[in-house]
Amino acid sequence: MSRAVKRAFKYRFYPTPGQAAELARTFGCVRLVYNLALQARTEAWTLRQERVNYNVTSAMLTGWKRTGELAFLNEVSCVPLQQALRHVQVAFTNFWAKRARYPTFKSRKRSRRSAEYTTSAFRYRDGRLTLAKMTEPLDIVWSRPLPEGASPSTVTVSQDAAGRWFVSLLCDDRVEPVPATGAVGVDAGLNSLLCLSTGEKVTNPKHERRDRAALARAQRNLARKEKGSANRAKARLKVARVHARITDRRRDHLHKLSTRLVRENQTIVIEDLTVRNMIRNHHLARAISDAAWRQFRTMLEYKTDWHGRTLVAVDRWFPSSKLCSTCGALAARMPLHVRTWTCRCGQTHDRDVNAARNILAEGLSVIACGGGVRPQRESSRTGQPSVKQEPPGATQEIPALRAGRTVNPGSSAG
């Protein structure tokens, strides 16, 4: 049975000079209204311990438009400004629920340039999209069709740092079920982007490293330009284009990889990695950021939800690399440079494949029993994690590691 989902379709478009000027004004007004609302809510709480909601800030916006200093807010569509107030409300809701930090002000140089339009502020007919305050439709490159009979409920227009314009249309869509019965464990790494419990290793394309020389040249050229000059603005765009090319290739690869895993497997088991803490390692931070494990997990989360799949994240302290997937023996040490090792049961393991198999076994035990099937071991860091227990006497260091066997230098998350 198909499932109804909300899905955003993003396209690039090329505005006319008039449309670009109108959107630029809208972006600036949206940023200003967001900052004014955030300041008003902050002062109300700091000075009077009063929580200001969306309705109050909406009334404030009406008053701001009537002042001489902010009368220019009337020149753009009111809908993106109201949406900015709703975004402030969502930010505070997440903060009070302890899901996010306190909201911060938007910056003219660093913040994303975007504006959100609801149905009352745009017209979509016969594949032509016209926004409020504009007389001509946007010149959109329709790289893929919208769902049959779909009508956008929200339109978001944005401009990235490289100067490219994009429009995102939120539509109702139906995801057709694809039968799948398999289960796979996924171990994230750096030499191999992913290693599956089936033994397959997905090569890490290392997109940032491929363009590192071009990025360095563009950044050196930018550093030589005088601040505030037109040449510096041109050089900044060149740097942004290199970053955009890297980001686009990385996102495309992760989309294809995550879609393939979701279509082929009913159950996917991954590690609950704390990427924010891992990138504090200055030797690996650049490579970890380029691998984009967090982005890959986000894609898996919403795609498994769409297709009715099961995604399990095992505890981050689960010893997937040190545990023998054959006999369950646990090695005392497993340095990162050790890529293959031999257990005392005689089984020789590839570090990443062994970790993926252990991750899969732990994930299936979590599904079946709600956690490890043996009594929990206490951990000083996480209390009692859901991990499988090793057999008695298996915690001594494995002789093969003590003798310094087998090593192919490399790094892995496992």
Protein backbone atom coordinates (compact mmCIF):
# COMPACT_ATOMS: atom_id res chain seq x y z
CA MET A 1 0.00 0.00 0.00
CA SER A 2 1.44 3.38 -1.03
CA ARG A 3 2.17 5.99 1.60
CA ALA A 4 1.43 9.71 1.44
CA VAL A 5 4.42 11.94 2.28
CA LYS A 6 5.40 15.57 2.03
CA ARG A 7 8.24 15.92 -0.43
CA ALA A 8 10.26 18.92 -1.59
CA PHE A 9 11.39 19.19 -5.21
CA LYS A 10 14.30 21.56 -5.73
CA TYR A 11 15.10 23.21 -9.06
CA ARG A 12 17.49 25.81 -10.30
CA PHE A 13 16.11 28.93 -11.96
CA TYR A 14 17.46 32.03 -13.66
CA PRO A 15 15.74 35.29 -12.59
CA THR A 16 15.53 38.42 -14.67
CA PRO A 17 17.34 41.48 -13.29
CA GLY A 18 14.04 42.79 -11.93
CA GLN A 19 13.18 39.50 -10.27
CA ALA A 20 16.69 39.24 -8.77
CA ALA A 21 16.38 42.76 -7.31
CA GLU A 22 12.93 41.98 -5.87
CA LEU A 23 14.15 38.74 -4.29
CA ALA A 24 17.24 40.44 -2.88
CA ARG A 25 15.01 43.05 -1.19
CA THR A 26 12.80 40.27 0.14
CA PHE A 27 15.77 38.38 1.57
CA GLY A 28 16.95 41.51 3.37
CA CYS A 29 13.50 42.26 4.80
CA VAL A 30 13.07 38.65 5.95
CA ARG A 31 16.41 38.79 7.74
CA LEU A 32 15.54 42.14 9.36
CA VAL A 33 12.11 40.97 10.58
CA TYR A 34 13.62 37.78 12.00
CA ASN A 35 16.25 39.75 13.92
CA LEU A 36 13.74 42.31 15.19
CA ALA A 37 11.41 39.58 16.43
CA LEU A 38 14.27 37.73 18.10
CA GLN A 39 15.44 40.92 19.79
CA ALA A 40 11.92 41.75 21.02
CA ARG A 41 11.39 38.27 22.44
CA THR A 42 14.82 38.28 24.08
CA GLU A 43 14.24 41.65 25.74
CA ALA A 44 10.77 40.63 26.91
CA TRP A 45 12.16 37.55 28.63
CA THR A 46 15.31 39.20 30.00
CA LEU A 47 13.62 42.32 31.38
CA ARG A 48 10.11 41.11 32.28
CA GLN A 49 10.31 37.29 32.30
CA GLU A 50 7.59 37.34 29.65
CA ARG A 51 7.24 34.85 26.81
CA VAL A 52 6.20 36.56 23.57
CA ASN A 53 4.42 34.31 21.06
CA TYR A 54 3.84 34.53 17.32
CA ASN A 55 0.61 36.55 17.61
CA VAL A 56 2.37 39.30 19.57
CA THR A 57 5.25 39.54 17.10
CA SER A 58 2.75 39.62 14.22
CA ALA A 59 1.12 42.67 15.81
CA MET A 60 4.61 44.16 16.25
CA LEU A 61 5.26 43.69 12.54
CA THR A 62 2.16 45.73 11.71
CA GLY A 63 3.47 48.51 13.93
CA TRP A 64 6.94 48.37 12.38
CA LYS A 65 5.49 48.84 8.90
CA ARG A 66 3.75 52.05 10.03
CA THR A 67 6.98 53.69 11.20
CA GLY A 68 8.99 55.90 8.89
CA GLU A 69 12.23 53.95 9.39
CA LEU A 70 10.71 50.56 8.46
CA ALA A 71 8.09 51.64 5.93
CA PHE A 72 10.11 49.86 3.21
CA LEU A 73 8.82 46.54 4.60
CA ASN A 74 5.57 47.31 2.73
CA GLU A 75 7.41 47.10 -0.60
CA VAL A 76 7.82 43.30 -0.46
CA SER A 77 5.28 40.53 -0.03
CA CYS A 78 4.01 40.23 3.54
CA VAL A 79 3.90 36.42 3.44
CA PRO A 80 7.69 35.79 3.66
CA LEU A 81 7.80 38.24 6.57
CA GLN A 82 5.06 36.36 8.42
CA GLN A 83 6.88 33.10 7.71
CA ALA A 84 10.01 34.58 9.28
CA LEU A 85 8.02 35.19 12.47
CA ARG A 86 6.85 31.56 12.39
CA HIS A 87 10.46 30.45 12.04
CA VAL A 88 11.35 32.43 15.16
CA GLN A 89 8.46 30.73 16.97
CA VAL A 90 9.73 27.29 15.90
CA ALA A 91 13.26 28.18 17.02
CA PHE A 92 12.03 29.14 20.48
CA THR A 93 9.79 26.06 20.70
CA ASN A 94 12.82 23.86 20.02
CA PHE A 95 14.86 25.80 22.56
CA TRP A 96 12.31 25.47 25.36
CA ALA A 97 11.98 21.77 24.56
CA LYS A 98 15.80 21.48 24.83
CA ARG A 99 16.11 20.27 21.26
CA ALA A 100 18.27 23.20 20.16
CA ARG A 101 20.34 26.08 21.46
CA TYR A 102 19.08 29.61 21.93
CA PRO A 103 18.26 31.25 18.55
CA THR A 104 20.92 33.51 17.07
CA PHE A 105 20.64 36.58 14.87
CA LYS A 106 20.89 36.22 11.10
CA SER A 107 23.96 37.69 9.43
CA ARG A 108 23.95 39.52 6.10
CA LYS A 109 27.16 37.76 5.02
CA ARG A 110 26.96 34.32 6.61
CA SER A 111 23.28 33.37 6.89
CA ARG A 112 21.33 31.57 4.20
CA ARG A 113 19.49 33.90 1.84
CA SER A 114 15.95 32.55 1.50
CA ALA A 115 12.28 33.46 1.55
CA GLU A 116 9.27 31.20 2.04
CA TYR A 117 5.97 31.73 0.21
CA THR A 118 2.67 30.02 1.03
CA THR A 119 -0.22 29.44 -1.38
CA SER A 120 -1.58 32.99 -1.05
CA ALA A 121 1.70 34.46 -2.31
CA PHE A 122 2.34 32.51 -5.50
CA ARG A 123 0.49 31.18 -8.54
CA TYR A 124 1.31 27.82 -10.11
CA ARG A 125 -0.44 27.03 -13.37
CA ASP A 126 0.56 24.74 -16.23
CA GLY A 127 4.11 24.38 -14.96
CA ARG A 128 4.63 28.13 -14.57
CA LEU A 129 5.38 29.61 -11.14
CA THR A 130 4.79 33.30 -10.45
CA LEU A 131 5.61 34.83 -7.07
CA ALA A 132 3.88 37.76 -5.38
CA LYS A 133 5.04 41.24 -6.45
CA MET A 134 6.19 39.79 -9.80
CA THR A 135 4.52 39.95 -13.19
CA GLU A 136 6.53 37.26 -14.99
CA PRO A 137 6.94 33.58 -14.04
CA LEU A 138 10.31 32.26 -12.92
CA ASP A 139 12.53 30.69 -15.57
CA ILE A 140 12.84 27.29 -13.89
CA VAL A 141 14.92 24.40 -15.23
CA TRP A 142 12.53 21.47 -14.72
CA SER A 143 15.14 18.74 -14.28
CA ARG A 144 12.43 16.27 -13.19
CA PRO A 145 8.63 16.44 -13.24
CA LEU A 146 6.47 17.05 -10.22
CA PRO A 147 4.16 14.20 -9.12
CA GLU A 148 1.08 13.71 -11.27
CA GLY A 149 -1.53 16.30 -10.33
CA ALA A 150 0.64 17.77 -7.56
CA SER A 151 0.09 21.35 -6.46
CA PRO A 152 2.78 23.04 -4.31
CA SER A 153 1.72 24.07 -0.83
CA THR A 154 4.88 26.01 -0.03
CA VAL A 155 7.57 27.56 -2.23
CA THR A 156 11.00 28.45 -0.87
CA VAL A 157 13.34 30.61 -2.94
CA SER A 158 17.02 30.72 -2.02
CA GLN A 159 20.41 31.85 -3.29
CA ASP A 160 23.60 30.05 -2.31
CA ALA A 161 27.06 31.50 -1.72
CA ALA A 162 28.05 30.77 -5.32
CA GLY A 163 25.25 33.04 -6.59
CA ARG A 164 23.01 30.23 -7.87
CA TRP A 165 19.24 30.60 -7.49
CA PHE A 166 17.03 27.70 -6.39
CA VAL A 167 13.33 27.18 -5.82
CA SER A 168 11.98 24.35 -3.67
CA LEU A 169 8.36 23.23 -4.07
CA LEU A 170 6.76 21.27 -1.24
CA CYS A 171 4.15 18.84 -2.60
CA ASP A 172 2.12 15.86 -1.52
CA ASP A 173 3.53 12.66 -2.98
CA ARG A 174 2.92 8.94 -2.68
CA VAL A 175 5.73 6.45 -2.16
CA GLU A 176 5.04 3.07 -3.71
CA PRO A 177 6.16 0.13 -1.55
CA VAL A 178 9.09 -1.95 -2.82
CA PRO A 179 9.31 -5.42 -1.24
CA ALA A 180 12.55 -6.21 0.59
CA THR A 181 13.44 -8.84 3.18
CA GLY A 182 17.17 -8.45 3.79
CA ALA A 183 19.06 -6.91 6.69
CA VAL A 184 22.44 -5.21 6.53
CA GLY A 185 24.92 -3.80 9.00
CA VAL A 186 26.80 -0.65 8.01
CA ASP A 187 30.19 0.38 9.38
CA ALA A 188 31.29 3.91 8.46
CA GLY A 189 34.94 4.54 7.74
CA LEU A 190 37.45 6.71 5.93
CA ASN A 191 39.47 4.34 3.73
CA SER A 192 36.14 2.84 2.68
CA LEU A 193 33.18 5.17 3.06
CA LEU A 194 30.96 2.26 4.12
CA CYS A 195 31.60 -1.40 4.79
CA LEU A 196 28.57 -3.69 4.71
CA SER A 197 28.03 -6.89 6.64
CA THR A 198 27.86 -8.69 3.29
CA GLY A 199 31.57 -7.97 2.84
CA GLU A 200 31.06 -5.22 0.27
CA LYS A 201 33.15 -2.08 0.68
CA VAL A 202 32.00 1.23 -0.78
CA THR A 203 34.95 3.30 -1.95
CA ASN A 204 35.32 6.72 -0.37
CA PRO A 205 35.30 9.19 -3.30
CA LYS A 206 37.01 11.90 -1.18
CA HIS A 207 35.39 14.76 -3.04
CA GLU A 208 37.15 17.49 -1.08
CA ARG A 209 40.59 15.98 -1.69
CA ARG A 210 39.97 15.84 -5.44
CA ASP A 211 39.41 19.61 -5.54
CA ARG A 212 41.83 20.54 -2.76
CA ALA A 213 44.42 22.07 -5.10
CA ALA A 214 41.82 24.15 -6.95
CA LEU A 215 40.31 25.26 -3.63
CA ALA A 216 43.73 26.27 -2.28
CA ARG A 217 44.48 28.35 -5.39
CA ALA A 218 41.13 30.11 -5.18
CA GLN A 219 41.59 30.83 -1.48
CA ARG A 220 45.11 32.20 -1.99
CA ASN A 221 43.78 34.44 -4.75
CA LEU A 222 41.01 35.64 -2.41
CA ALA A 223 43.50 36.39 0.38
CA ARG A 224 45.46 38.75 -1.89
CA LYS A 225 42.45 40.93 -2.71
CA GLU A 226 41.71 44.11 -0.81
CA LYS A 227 38.73 43.86 1.51
CA GLY A 228 35.64 45.59 0.16
CA SER A 229 36.88 45.67 -3.44
CA ALA A 230 35.02 44.35 -6.47
CA ASN A 231 37.89 41.96 -7.25
CA ARG A 232 37.55 40.44 -3.79
CA ALA A 233 33.84 39.81 -4.42
CA LYS A 234 34.72 38.04 -7.69
CA ALA A 235 37.39 35.96 -5.96
CA ARG A 236 34.96 35.03 -3.20
CA LEU A 237 32.52 33.72 -5.80
CA LYS A 238 35.25 31.52 -7.28
CA VAL A 239 35.93 30.00 -3.86
CA ALA A 240 32.21 29.46 -3.32
CA ARG A 241 31.86 27.71 -6.70
CA VAL A 242 34.57 25.21 -5.78
CA HIS A 243 32.84 24.51 -2.47
CA ALA A 244 29.50 24.16 -4.27
CA ARG A 245 30.94 21.64 -6.73
CA ILE A 246 32.32 19.54 -3.86
CA THR A 247 29.02 19.71 -1.97
CA ASP A 248 26.92 18.79 -5.00
CA ARG A 249 29.01 15.73 -5.84
CA ARG A 250 29.00 14.56 -2.23
CA ARG A 251 25.23 14.97 -1.86
CA ASP A 252 24.56 13.17 -5.15
CA HIS A 253 26.72 10.21 -4.13
CA LEU A 254 25.11 9.91 -0.70
CA HIS A 255 21.61 10.10 -2.18
CA LYS A 256 22.33 7.27 -4.60
CA LEU A 257 23.97 5.15 -1.90
CA SER A 258 21.25 5.65 0.72
CA THR A 259 18.46 5.01 -1.82
CA ARG A 260 20.08 1.77 -2.89
CA LEU A 261 20.43 0.50 0.70
CA VAL A 262 16.83 1.38 1.54
CA ARG A 263 15.42 -0.31 -1.57
CA GLU A 264 17.41 -3.52 -1.10
CA ASN A 265 17.02 -4.06 2.67
CA GLN A 266 14.13 -4.14 5.11
CA THR A 267 16.41 -3.55 8.14
CA ILE A 268 19.46 -1.30 8.22
CA VAL A 269 21.71 -1.15 11.29
CA ILE A 270 24.22 1.67 11.82
CA GLU A 271 26.38 3.05 14.62
CA ASP A 272 25.26 6.02 16.69
CA LEU A 273 28.35 8.11 15.92
CA THR A 274 28.94 11.50 17.55
CA VAL A 275 30.47 13.26 14.57
CA ARG A 276 30.59 16.59 16.41
CA ASN A 277 32.99 15.13 18.95
CA MET A 278 34.97 13.09 16.42
CA ILE A 279 35.95 16.12 14.33
CA ARG A 280 37.77 17.53 17.36
CA ASN A 281 40.57 15.21 16.30
CA HIS A 282 42.56 17.67 14.20
CA HIS A 283 44.33 14.87 12.31
CA LEU A 284 41.06 13.38 11.01
CA ALA A 285 38.64 16.32 11.13
CA ARG A 286 38.98 17.18 7.43
CA ALA A 287 38.50 13.59 6.28
CA ILE A 288 35.56 13.00 8.63
CA SER A 289 33.83 16.17 7.47
CA ASP A 290 34.33 15.15 3.84
CA ALA A 291 32.79 11.71 4.52
CA ALA A 292 29.58 13.42 5.77
CA TRP A 293 28.40 10.56 8.01
CA ARG A 294 25.78 12.75 9.68
CA GLN A 295 24.25 13.73 6.34
CA PHE A 296 24.17 10.10 5.26
CA ARG A 297 22.36 9.11 8.46
CA THR A 298 19.80 11.89 7.97
CA MET A 299 19.06 10.60 4.48
CA LEU A 300 18.65 7.06 5.80
CA GLU A 301 16.28 8.26 8.53
CA TYR A 302 13.72 9.92 6.28
CA LYS A 303 14.01 7.41 3.43
CA THR A 304 13.47 4.41 5.72
CA ASP A 305 10.46 6.22 7.15
CA TRP A 306 9.05 6.82 3.65
CA HIS A 307 9.47 3.20 2.55
CA GLY A 308 8.43 1.52 5.80
CA ARG A 309 11.90 0.19 6.56
CA THR A 310 13.52 -0.27 9.98
CA LEU A 311 16.60 1.75 10.91
CA VAL A 312 18.46 0.79 14.10
CA ALA A 313 21.34 2.77 15.62
CA VAL A 314 23.41 0.68 18.05
CA ASP A 315 25.12 2.24 21.05
CA ARG A 316 28.22 4.24 20.20
CA TRP A 317 30.25 2.37 22.85
CA PHE A 318 29.42 -1.06 21.44
CA PRO A 319 32.84 -2.70 20.73
CA SER A 320 32.09 -3.63 17.14
CA SER A 321 35.72 -3.64 15.99
CA LYS A 322 37.18 -5.51 18.98
CA LEU A 323 34.54 -8.25 19.13
CA CYS A 324 35.06 -11.47 17.18
CA SER A 325 31.95 -12.04 15.07
CA THR A 326 32.61 -15.80 15.10
CA CYS A 327 33.21 -16.73 18.77
CA GLY A 328 32.36 -13.50 20.60
CA ALA A 329 35.82 -12.99 22.11
CA LEU A 330 36.68 -9.37 22.94
CA ALA A 331 40.14 -7.93 22.33
CA ALA A 332 41.51 -5.61 24.98
CA ARG A 333 43.00 -3.21 22.42
CA MET A 334 42.37 -2.45 18.75
CA PRO A 335 44.44 0.52 17.50
CA LEU A 336 43.28 2.22 14.33
CA HIS A 337 46.29 1.07 12.33
CA VAL A 338 45.29 -2.59 12.81
CA ARG A 339 43.17 -3.41 9.76
CA THR A 340 43.13 -7.21 9.97
CA TRP A 341 43.54 -9.43 13.01
CA THR A 342 43.34 -13.08 14.01
CA CYS A 343 41.21 -14.21 16.93
CA ARG A 344 42.42 -17.03 19.18
CA CYS A 345 39.62 -19.16 17.75
CA GLY A 346 41.63 -19.11 14.51
CA GLN A 347 39.36 -16.79 12.53
CA THR A 348 41.08 -13.97 10.65
CA HIS A 349 38.98 -10.81 10.39
CA ASP A 350 38.99 -7.75 8.21
CA ARG A 351 38.47 -5.02 10.78
CA ASP A 352 35.68 -3.20 8.92
CA VAL A 353 33.79 -6.29 7.72
CA ASN A 354 33.93 -7.77 11.23
CA ALA A 355 32.60 -4.51 12.70
CA ALA A 356 29.72 -4.43 10.20
CA ARG A 357 28.73 -8.00 11.05
CA ASN A 358 28.80 -7.26 14.77
CA ILE A 359 26.72 -4.12 14.22
CA LEU A 360 24.14 -6.17 12.32
CA ALA A 361 23.98 -8.85 15.04
CA GLU A 362 23.58 -6.24 17.78
CA GLY A 363 20.88 -4.41 15.83
CA LEU A 364 18.89 -7.60 15.28
CA SER A 365 19.15 -8.44 19.00
CA VAL A 366 17.86 -4.96 19.84
CA ILE A 367 14.86 -5.53 17.56
CA ALA A 368 14.16 -9.00 18.96
CA CYS A 369 14.81 -8.43 22.66
CA GLY A 370 14.96 -4.68 23.11
CA GLY A 371 18.69 -4.82 23.82
CA GLY A 372 21.55 -7.22 24.43
CA VAL A 373 20.44 -10.76 25.25
CA ARG A 374 22.82 -11.05 28.21
CA PRO A 375 22.94 -8.98 31.45
CA GLN A 376 24.12 -5.42 30.93
CA ARG A 377 27.65 -4.33 31.71
CA GLU A 378 27.97 -1.03 33.48
CA SER A 379 29.73 1.78 31.66
CA SER A 380 31.11 4.79 33.48
CA ARG A 381 30.24 6.98 30.48
CA THR A 382 26.76 5.90 29.52
CA GLY A 383 25.43 3.99 32.50
CA GLN A 384 24.15 0.71 31.03
CA PRO A 385 24.42 0.62 27.24
CA SER A 386 22.54 -1.91 25.17
CA VAL A 387 25.47 -4.13 24.12
CA LYS A 388 26.11 -7.83 23.97
CA GLN A 389 28.29 -9.37 26.67
CA GLU A 390 31.44 -11.31 25.99
CA PRO A 391 31.89 -14.88 27.27
CA PRO A 392 33.74 -15.31 30.62
CA GLY A 393 37.49 -14.89 30.30
CA ALA A 394 37.33 -13.34 26.87
CA THR A 395 38.52 -9.90 27.90
CA GLN A 396 42.24 -10.70 27.77
CA GLU A 397 44.24 -9.27 24.91
CA ILE A 398 44.36 -11.49 21.85
CA PRO A 399 47.89 -12.93 21.29
CA ALA A 400 47.88 -12.07 17.60
CA LEU A 401 47.58 -8.38 18.42
CA ARG A 402 50.27 -8.59 21.07
CA ALA A 403 52.62 -10.03 18.47
CA GLY A 404 51.89 -7.11 16.16
CA ARG A 405 50.31 -9.07 13.31
CA THR A 406 48.81 -7.76 10.12
CA VAL A 407 48.52 -4.20 9.54
CA ASN A 408 47.50 -2.14 6.58
CA PRO A 409 47.61 1.48 7.72
CA GLY A 410 44.29 3.26 7.55
CA SER A 411 41.52 4.83 9.55
CA SER A 412 38.00 3.79 10.39
CA ALA A 413 35.12 4.90 12.54
CA GLY A 414 34.86 1.39 13.98
